[in-house]
């Protein structure tokens, strides 16, 4: 699920099942772009993240193109410069090094009718079809000197890092204790936790 504000990605959520060894339904939410968000369930606030968003520069990136078509080509090329590495602990407590792949098409491309001078796209790096990391790339075409910048939204609780041209540009440690003010929030949907029967 993707929530927008004035045509810009503001938050992402997903629901997924665990079948082994437990039968559960879980959810995860991540805040994007520094937008203030509040998620409620059953009349209670479940998630109200602090603004932890950071825009990061694209050193050596070309200036944004003059047309939307040119910028679309640039967006895909910039996203392809990234490599994501995850220490996946789902099947091995010590972790297995995984390299999520970039989906060939962005999850979302800005709509100029809503965002006016802003252009950008949201890209996902996935294991199978499960997003592990989101990268939001954006520029303001009306700026005196338009430049690309990017921000990161995690969709994984394991240790994860983002590299560009071999250099680590963002990373986050593994964690299991989630607080409602965290930018990334993992939660259970309270299904009975019964072991599967043979």
Foldseek 3Di string as FASTA:
>chain_A
DFDDDLQHTFKDKDWDFDAPQWTFIKMKMFGPDQDFDWDDDPNHTPATAHRPWDKAFDPPQDFADPDPVSNLVSQLVQVVQKWKWFQDPPPPVRGDIDIFAKDNDFPDWGDCVRVVQKTWTKIFGDDPNHGAKIKIWMWGNPDPGIGIIIIIIGPDQAWMFMDGPRHTPDTDHHDDDADSHHSMGMGTPDDDTDGDDD
